[in-house]
Amino acid sequence: MCRGRRARRPEFRRSAVGAFSDASGGYLVRRLAWVDPPLRREGLRHASVEVAVVQDSREKGTGVRRIKGVFRRAGRAYSSGEEHRLGGHAGAVAAFGAYTTAWGAAVRLRKTPLPERPEPWDVLFAAAATFRLGRLLSKGSVTSPLRAPFTRYEEASGPAEVNESPRGNGVRATVGELVTCPFCLSVWLTTTVTGAALLWPKATRTVTGGLSVLAAADAMQLGYDCLMQKNAE
């Protein structure tokens, strides 16, 4: 009486990443030491796909950690022990690049012709509007509720203005630095005014003209206060 041949178990070898693999090279679950003969090849393929996804996600996580480590080391070498959010600033640059690209895409979709040169009055109004709106958003006491989630009040500064400092860390601190810096906001506002002038020139001239009037009125108010103080002396 002949005995049936014993089912041959698949051969396993340990791969470079430490998981078991069969003879075809497909990764299997680490806790799987052997496979019963009735298990079909489709099952092996399914298991190998699942573990390959896990392995790929681990590799991606390792890549992200490496990038963060590179930024940390570069930040320490750059700031020489002083606090400087190099990674946050890199994120702000990336966000600004995406913002500018979005405006460029909108102008391209509208097929708006670009002017050969800007009009002098448009440049003057845009500069005054950017200056006044930047001060209002970053320093104005009346706009402090907009900055409150990202900043901490320090002291009163100029007329109707306050000094604030960013709070928290990570994205929160980066946004806090942006919204308390009129010079930083001016870059974003210049992009906004330029893109809006190409898409909606009449409406943009109306807005920049109004903000220019506000800037001139503020300058007159400050000049008048200085004259009154000088006369009082």
C-alpha atoms as a PDB file:
ATOM      1  CA  MET A   1       0.000   0.000   0.000  1.00  0.00           C
ATOM      2  CA  CYS A   2       1.539   3.220  -1.186  1.00  0.00           C
ATOM      3  CA  ARG A   3       1.613   6.143   1.089  1.00  0.00           C
ATOM      4  CA  GLY A   4       0.539   9.478  -0.302  1.00  0.00           C
ATOM      5  CA  ARG A   5       3.293  11.935  -0.923  1.00  0.00           C
ATOM      6  CA  ARG A   6       3.606  14.551   1.758  1.00  0.00           C
ATOM      7  CA  ALA A   7       2.648  18.031   0.684  1.00  0.00           C
ATOM      8  CA  ARG A   8       5.709  20.147   0.184  1.00  0.00           C
ATOM      9  CA  ARG A   9       5.751  23.205   2.350  1.00  0.00           C
ATOM     10  CA  PRO A  10       6.869  26.415   0.695  1.00  0.00           C
ATOM     11  CA  GLU A  11      10.387  27.497   1.379  1.00  0.00           C
ATOM     12  CA  PHE A  12      10.923  30.707   3.279  1.00  0.00           C
ATOM     13  CA  ARG A  13      13.909  32.921   3.570  1.00  0.00           C
ATOM     14  CA  ARG A  14      14.450  36.069   5.613  1.00  0.00           C
ATOM     15  CA  SER A  15      14.602  39.183   3.466  1.00  0.00           C
ATOM     16  CA  ALA A  16      16.666  42.318   3.935  1.00  0.00           C
ATOM     17  CA  VAL A  17      13.820  44.100   5.738  1.00  0.00           C
ATOM     18  CA  GLY A  18      13.392  41.286   8.247  1.00  0.00           C
ATOM     19  CA  ALA A  19      10.078  39.852   6.995  1.00  0.00           C
ATOM     20  CA  PHE A  20       9.597  36.276   5.770  1.00  0.00           C
ATOM     21  CA  SER A  21       9.344  35.818   2.028  1.00  0.00           C
ATOM     22  CA  ASP A  22       8.478  32.823  -0.122  1.00  0.00           C
ATOM     23  CA  ALA A  23      10.432  31.480  -3.074  1.00  0.00           C
ATOM     24  CA  SER A  24       8.770  33.949  -5.447  1.00  0.00           C
ATOM     25  CA  GLY A  25      10.024  36.899  -3.418  1.00  0.00           C
ATOM     26  CA  GLY A  26       6.615  38.141  -2.182  1.00  0.00           C
ATOM     27  CA  TYR A  27       6.671  39.488   1.371  1.00  0.00           C
ATOM     28  CA  LEU A  28       4.513  37.660   3.920  1.00  0.00           C
ATOM     29  CA  VAL A  29       3.348  38.564   7.395  1.00  0.00           C
ATOM     30  CA  ARG A  30       6.176  38.422   9.927  1.00  0.00           C
ATOM     31  CA  ARG A  31       4.309  36.067  12.289  1.00  0.00           C
ATOM     32  CA  LEU A  32       3.622  33.588   9.433  1.00  0.00           C
ATOM     33  CA  ALA A  33       6.148  30.725   9.764  1.00  0.00           C
ATOM     34  CA  TRP A  34       4.611  28.348   7.244  1.00  0.00           C
ATOM     35  CA  VAL A  35       1.586  28.035   4.969  1.00  0.00           C
ATOM     36  CA  ASP A  36      -0.793  25.052   4.847  1.00  0.00           C
ATOM     37  CA  PRO A  37      -0.836  23.262   1.489  1.00  0.00           C
ATOM     38  CA  PRO A  38      -4.516  24.096   0.733  1.00  0.00           C
ATOM     39  CA  LEU A  39      -3.680  27.792   0.710  1.00  0.00           C
ATOM     40  CA  ARG A  40      -3.812  28.878  -2.910  1.00  0.00           C
ATOM     41  CA  ARG A  41      -1.322  31.049  -4.672  1.00  0.00           C
ATOM     42  CA  GLU A  42      -3.885  33.863  -4.808  1.00  0.00           C
ATOM     43  CA  GLY A  43      -3.815  33.952  -1.048  1.00  0.00           C
ATOM     44  CA  LEU A  44      -0.050  34.288  -1.065  1.00  0.00           C
ATOM     45  CA  ARG A  45      -0.275  37.148  -3.527  1.00  0.00           C
ATOM     46  CA  HIS A  46      -2.889  38.877  -1.389  1.00  0.00           C
ATOM     47  CA  ALA A  47      -0.713  38.542   1.697  1.00  0.00           C
ATOM     48  CA  SER A  48       2.317  39.817  -0.164  1.00  0.00           C
ATOM     49  CA  VAL A  49       0.413  42.898  -1.384  1.00  0.00           C
ATOM     50  CA  GLU A  50      -0.760  43.728   2.143  1.00  0.00           C
ATOM     51  CA  VAL A  51       2.721  43.524   3.597  1.00  0.00           C
ATOM     52  CA  ALA A  52       4.230  45.398   0.672  1.00  0.00           C
ATOM     53  CA  VAL A  53       1.899  48.294   1.471  1.00  0.00           C
ATOM     54  CA  VAL A  54       2.964  48.187   5.118  1.00  0.00           C
ATOM     55  CA  GLN A  55       6.598  48.126   4.100  1.00  0.00           C
ATOM     56  CA  ASP A  56       6.079  51.051   1.726  1.00  0.00           C
ATOM     57  CA  SER A  57       4.369  53.137   4.419  1.00  0.00           C
ATOM     58  CA  ARG A  58       7.252  52.426   6.790  1.00  0.00           C
ATOM     59  CA  GLU A  59       9.714  53.586   4.161  1.00  0.00           C
ATOM     60  CA  LYS A  60       7.705  56.787   3.621  1.00  0.00           C
ATOM     61  CA  GLY A  61       7.629  57.444   7.362  1.00  0.00           C
ATOM     62  CA  THR A  62      11.373  56.961   7.514  1.00  0.00           C
ATOM     63  CA  GLY A  63      11.805  59.438   4.653  1.00  0.00           C
ATOM     64  CA  VAL A  64       9.706  62.079   6.424  1.00  0.00           C
ATOM     65  CA  ARG A  65      11.726  61.619   9.609  1.00  0.00           C
ATOM     66  CA  ARG A  66      14.946  62.009   7.646  1.00  0.00           C
ATOM     67  CA  ILE A  67      13.725  65.251   6.070  1.00  0.00           C
ATOM     68  CA  LYS A  68      12.735  66.609   9.495  1.00  0.00           C
ATOM     69  CA  GLY A  69      16.137  65.621  10.835  1.00  0.00           C
ATOM     70  CA  VAL A  70      17.870  67.462   7.998  1.00  0.00           C
ATOM     71  CA  PHE A  71      15.880  70.633   8.766  1.00  0.00           C
ATOM     72  CA  ARG A  72      16.637  70.312  12.499  1.00  0.00           C
ATOM     73  CA  ARG A  73      20.364  69.989  11.914  1.00  0.00           C
ATOM     74  CA  ALA A  74      20.378  72.823   9.378  1.00  0.00           C
ATOM     75  CA  GLY A  75      18.408  75.019  11.796  1.00  0.00           C
ATOM     76  CA  ARG A  76      20.844  74.388  14.659  1.00  0.00           C
ATOM     77  CA  ALA A  77      23.832  75.109  12.437  1.00  0.00           C
ATOM     78  CA  TYR A  78      22.194  78.230  10.999  1.00  0.00           C
ATOM     79  CA  SER A  79      20.959  79.861  14.219  1.00  0.00           C
ATOM     80  CA  SER A  80      23.971  78.984  16.429  1.00  0.00           C
ATOM     81  CA  GLY A  81      21.810  78.164  19.442  1.00  0.00           C
ATOM     82  CA  GLU A  82      19.393  81.086  19.035  1.00  0.00           C
ATOM     83  CA  GLU A  83      15.708  80.476  18.381  1.00  0.00           C
ATOM     84  CA  HIS A  84      15.019  80.548  14.658  1.00  0.00           C
ATOM     85  CA  ARG A  85      12.207  78.576  13.013  1.00  0.00           C
ATOM     86  CA  LEU A  86      13.987  77.532   9.830  1.00  0.00           C
ATOM     87  CA  GLY A  87      11.533  74.716   9.093  1.00  0.00           C
ATOM     88  CA  GLY A  88       8.559  77.014   9.626  1.00  0.00           C
ATOM     89  CA  HIS A  89      10.032  79.600   7.293  1.00  0.00           C
ATOM     90  CA  ALA A  90      10.596  76.921   4.657  1.00  0.00           C
ATOM     91  CA  GLY A  91       6.928  75.978   4.980  1.00  0.00           C
ATOM     92  CA  ALA A  92       5.935  79.639   4.612  1.00  0.00           C
ATOM     93  CA  VAL A  93       8.015  79.917   1.436  1.00  0.00           C
ATOM     94  CA  ALA A  94       6.338  76.791   0.046  1.00  0.00           C
ATOM     95  CA  ALA A  95       2.891  78.167   0.918  1.00  0.00           C
ATOM     96  CA  PHE A  96       3.715  81.490  -0.737  1.00  0.00           C
ATOM     97  CA  GLY A  97       4.902  79.663  -3.850  1.00  0.00           C
ATOM     98  CA  ALA A  98       1.616  77.760  -4.021  1.00  0.00           C
ATOM     99  CA  TYR A  99      -0.348  80.992  -3.477  1.00  0.00           C
ATOM    100  CA  THR A 100       1.511  82.776  -6.272  1.00  0.00           C
ATOM    101  CA  THR A 101       1.074  79.780  -8.570  1.00  0.00           C
ATOM    102  CA  ALA A 102      -2.678  79.814  -7.926  1.00  0.00           C
ATOM    103  CA  TRP A 103      -2.896  83.474  -8.958  1.00  0.00           C
ATOM    104  CA  GLY A 104      -0.829  82.749 -12.068  1.00  0.00           C
ATOM    105  CA  ALA A 105      -3.092  79.841 -12.990  1.00  0.00           C
ATOM    106  CA  ALA A 106      -6.186  82.025 -12.557  1.00  0.00           C
ATOM    107  CA  VAL A 107      -4.722  84.719 -14.826  1.00  0.00           C
ATOM    108  CA  ARG A 108      -3.781  82.085 -17.395  1.00  0.00           C
ATOM    109  CA  LEU A 109      -7.262  80.546 -17.375  1.00  0.00           C
ATOM    110  CA  ARG A 110      -8.845  83.953 -17.920  1.00  0.00           C
ATOM    111  CA  LYS A 111      -6.336  84.605 -20.733  1.00  0.00           C
ATOM    112  CA  THR A 112      -5.785  88.113 -19.414  1.00  0.00           C
ATOM    113  CA  PRO A 113      -3.229  90.057 -21.497  1.00  0.00           C
ATOM    114  CA  LEU A 114      -0.333  91.390 -19.458  1.00  0.00           C
ATOM    115  CA  PRO A 115       0.370  95.130 -19.715  1.00  0.00           C
ATOM    116  CA  GLU A 116       3.678  96.247 -21.165  1.00  0.00           C
ATOM    117  CA  ARG A 117       4.298  98.496 -18.151  1.00  0.00           C
ATOM    118  CA  PRO A 118       2.223  99.451 -15.103  1.00  0.00           C
ATOM    119  CA  GLU A 119       0.613 102.850 -14.918  1.00  0.00           C
ATOM    120  CA  PRO A 120       2.386 105.215 -12.488  1.00  0.00           C
ATOM    121  CA  TRP A 121      -0.814 106.015 -10.580  1.00  0.00           C
ATOM    122  CA  ASP A 122      -1.608 102.313 -10.228  1.00  0.00           C
ATOM    123  CA  VAL A 123       1.842 101.706  -8.743  1.00  0.00           C
ATOM    124  CA  LEU A 124       1.422 104.596  -6.299  1.00  0.00           C
ATOM    125  CA  PHE A 125      -2.047 103.502  -5.174  1.00  0.00           C
ATOM    126  CA  ALA A 126      -0.981  99.851  -4.878  1.00  0.00           C
ATOM    127  CA  ALA A 127       2.043 100.803  -2.751  1.00  0.00           C
ATOM    128  CA  ALA A 128      -0.012 103.013  -0.424  1.00  0.00           C
ATOM    129  CA  ALA A 129      -2.756 100.388  -0.148  1.00  0.00           C
ATOM    130  CA  THR A 130      -0.281  97.603   0.594  1.00  0.00           C
ATOM    131  CA  PHE A 131       1.421  99.697   3.271  1.00  0.00           C
ATOM    132  CA  ARG A 132      -1.802 100.735   4.992  1.00  0.00           C
ATOM    133  CA  LEU A 133      -3.480  97.330   4.833  1.00  0.00           C
ATOM    134  CA  GLY A 134      -0.297  95.613   6.039  1.00  0.00           C
ATOM    135  CA  ARG A 135      -0.109  97.887   9.093  1.00  0.00           C
ATOM    136  CA  LEU A 136      -3.807  97.485   9.771  1.00  0.00           C
ATOM    137  CA  LEU A 137      -3.720  93.675   9.665  1.00  0.00           C
ATOM    138  CA  SER A 138      -0.451  93.190  11.554  1.00  0.00           C
ATOM    139  CA  LYS A 139      -0.447  96.058  14.070  1.00  0.00           C
ATOM    140  CA  GLY A 140      -3.965  97.449  14.343  1.00  0.00           C
ATOM    141  CA  SER A 141      -5.592  97.162  17.759  1.00  0.00           C
ATOM    142  CA  VAL A 142      -9.005  96.787  16.145  1.00  0.00           C
ATOM    143  CA  THR A 143      -7.805  93.722  14.181  1.00  0.00           C
ATOM    144  CA  SER A 144      -6.203  92.023  17.212  1.00  0.00           C
ATOM    145  CA  PRO A 145      -9.081  89.466  17.506  1.00  0.00           C
ATOM    146  CA  LEU A 146      -8.031  88.100  14.109  1.00  0.00           C
ATOM    147  CA  ARG A 147      -4.468  87.559  15.347  1.00  0.00           C
ATOM    148  CA  ALA A 148      -5.343  86.401  18.868  1.00  0.00           C
ATOM    149  CA  PRO A 149      -5.281  82.616  18.111  1.00  0.00           C
ATOM    150  CA  PHE A 150      -1.644  82.919  16.999  1.00  0.00           C
ATOM    151  CA  THR A 151      -0.208  85.824  19.025  1.00  0.00           C
ATOM    152  CA  ARG A 152       0.263  87.142  22.563  1.00  0.00           C
ATOM    153  CA  TYR A 153      -0.261  90.790  23.504  1.00  0.00           C
ATOM    154  CA  GLU A 154       2.891  92.593  24.639  1.00  0.00           C
ATOM    155  CA  GLU A 155       2.220  96.337  24.803  1.00  0.00           C
ATOM    156  CA  ALA A 156       0.657  99.306  23.053  1.00  0.00           C
ATOM    157  CA  SER A 157       2.887 100.939  20.457  1.00  0.00           C
ATOM    158  CA  GLY A 158       1.888 103.658  17.993  1.00  0.00           C
ATOM    159  CA  PRO A 159      -1.518 105.306  17.689  1.00  0.00           C
ATOM    160  CA  ALA A 160      -4.173 102.559  17.524  1.00  0.00           C
ATOM    161  CA  GLU A 161      -1.421  99.925  17.221  1.00  0.00           C
ATOM    162  CA  VAL A 162      -0.115  97.145  19.478  1.00  0.00           C
ATOM    163  CA  ASN A 163       2.994  94.994  19.717  1.00  0.00           C
ATOM    164  CA  GLU A 164       2.432  91.238  19.817  1.00  0.00           C
ATOM    165  CA  SER A 165       4.608  88.132  19.771  1.00  0.00           C
ATOM    166  CA  PRO A 166       3.898  84.735  18.201  1.00  0.00           C
ATOM    167  CA  ARG A 167       2.920  81.937  20.571  1.00  0.00           C
ATOM    168  CA  GLY A 168       3.008  78.169  20.432  1.00  0.00           C
ATOM    169  CA  ASN A 169       5.217  76.291  18.026  1.00  0.00           C
ATOM    170  CA  GLY A 170       5.040  74.628  14.656  1.00  0.00           C
ATOM    171  CA  VAL A 171       2.477  76.002  12.219  1.00  0.00           C
ATOM    172  CA  ARG A 172       0.896  78.176  14.912  1.00  0.00           C
ATOM    173  CA  ALA A 173       4.152  79.987  15.630  1.00  0.00           C
ATOM    174  CA  THR A 174       4.895  80.431  11.924  1.00  0.00           C
ATOM    175  CA  VAL A 175       1.479  81.990  11.301  1.00  0.00           C
ATOM    176  CA  GLY A 176       2.005  84.161  14.387  1.00  0.00           C
ATOM    177  CA  GLU A 177       5.281  85.458  12.973  1.00  0.00           C
ATOM    178  CA  LEU A 178       3.622  86.191   9.644  1.00  0.00           C
ATOM    179  CA  VAL A 179       0.609  88.094  10.986  1.00  0.00           C
ATOM    180  CA  THR A 180       2.707  90.261  13.342  1.00  0.00           C
ATOM    181  CA  CYS A 181       5.206  91.320  10.670  1.00  0.00           C
ATOM    182  CA  PRO A 182       3.994  94.096   8.327  1.00  0.00           C
ATOM    183  CA  PHE A 183       6.973  93.498   6.037  1.00  0.00           C
ATOM    184  CA  CYS A 184       6.072  89.821   5.648  1.00  0.00           C
ATOM    185  CA  LEU A 185       2.398  90.585   5.039  1.00  0.00           C
ATOM    186  CA  SER A 186       3.354  93.162   2.404  1.00  0.00           C
ATOM    187  CA  VAL A 187       4.794  90.395   0.221  1.00  0.00           C
ATOM    188  CA  TRP A 188       1.505  88.487   0.300  1.00  0.00           C
ATOM    189  CA  LEU A 189      -0.552  91.646  -0.168  1.00  0.00           C
ATOM    190  CA  THR A 190       1.546  92.738  -3.152  1.00  0.00           C
ATOM    191  CA  THR A 191       0.871  89.399  -4.824  1.00  0.00           C
ATOM    192  CA  THR A 192      -2.832  89.726  -4.049  1.00  0.00           C
ATOM    193  CA  VAL A 193      -3.094  93.280  -5.389  1.00  0.00           C
ATOM    194  CA  THR A 194      -1.112  92.408  -8.529  1.00  0.00           C
ATOM    195  CA  GLY A 195      -3.224  89.357  -9.323  1.00  0.00           C
ATOM    196  CA  ALA A 196      -6.474  91.179  -8.573  1.00  0.00           C
ATOM    197  CA  ALA A 197      -5.436  94.098 -10.793  1.00  0.00           C
ATOM    198  CA  LEU A 198      -5.009  91.704 -13.715  1.00  0.00           C
ATOM    199  CA  LEU A 199      -8.330  89.936 -13.166  1.00  0.00           C
ATOM    200  CA  TRP A 200     -10.532  92.786 -11.897  1.00  0.00           C
ATOM    201  CA  PRO A 201      -8.766  96.074 -12.733  1.00  0.00           C
ATOM    202  CA  LYS A 202     -11.658  98.468 -12.018  1.00  0.00           C
ATOM    203  CA  ALA A 203     -12.602  96.934  -8.671  1.00  0.00           C
ATOM    204  CA  THR A 204      -8.940  96.769  -7.633  1.00  0.00           C
ATOM    205  CA  ARG A 205      -8.389 100.441  -8.464  1.00  0.00           C
ATOM    206  CA  THR A 206     -11.409 101.317  -6.332  1.00  0.00           C
ATOM    207  CA  VAL A 207     -10.071  99.364  -3.342  1.00  0.00           C
ATOM    208  CA  THR A 208      -6.486 100.596  -3.645  1.00  0.00           C
ATOM    209  CA  GLY A 209      -7.726 104.154  -4.094  1.00  0.00           C
ATOM    210  CA  GLY A 210      -9.774 103.934  -0.897  1.00  0.00           C
ATOM    211  CA  LEU A 211      -6.861 102.494   1.080  1.00  0.00           C
ATOM    212  CA  SER A 212      -4.579 105.209  -0.318  1.00  0.00           C
ATOM    213  CA  VAL A 213      -7.000 107.847   0.976  1.00  0.00           C
ATOM    214  CA  LEU A 214      -6.904 106.152   4.395  1.00  0.00           C
ATOM    215  CA  ALA A 215      -3.085 106.141   4.370  1.00  0.00           C
ATOM    216  CA  ALA A 216      -2.995 109.841   3.475  1.00  0.00           C
ATOM    217  CA  ALA A 217      -5.540 110.648   6.195  1.00  0.00           C
ATOM    218  CA  ASP A 218      -3.480 108.769   8.793  1.00  0.00           C
ATOM    219  CA  ALA A 219      -0.357 110.663   7.744  1.00  0.00           C
ATOM    220  CA  MET A 220      -2.228 113.948   8.157  1.00  0.00           C
ATOM    221  CA  GLN A 221      -3.513 112.911  11.583  1.00  0.00           C
ATOM    222  CA  LEU A 222      -0.002 112.057  12.755  1.00  0.00           C
ATOM    223  CA  GLY A 223       1.388 115.277  11.315  1.00  0.00           C
ATOM    224  CA  TYR A 224      -1.315 117.293  13.065  1.00  0.00           C
ATOM    225  CA  ASP A 225      -0.598 115.591  16.405  1.00  0.00           C
ATOM    226  CA  CYS A 226       3.112 116.345  16.035  1.00  0.00           C
ATOM    227  CA  LEU A 227       2.369 120.013  15.364  1.00  0.00           C
ATOM    228  CA  MET A 228       0.068 120.217  18.394  1.00  0.00           C
ATOM    229  CA  GLN A 229       2.699 118.658  20.656  1.00  0.00           C
ATOM    230  CA  LYS A 230       5.364 120.999  19.310  1.00  0.00           C
ATOM    231  CA  ASN A 231       3.183 124.052  19.928  1.00  0.00           C
ATOM    232  CA  ALA A 232       2.404 122.845  23.460  1.00  0.00           C
ATOM    233  CA  GLU A 233       6.115 122.798  24.267  1.00  0.00           C
END
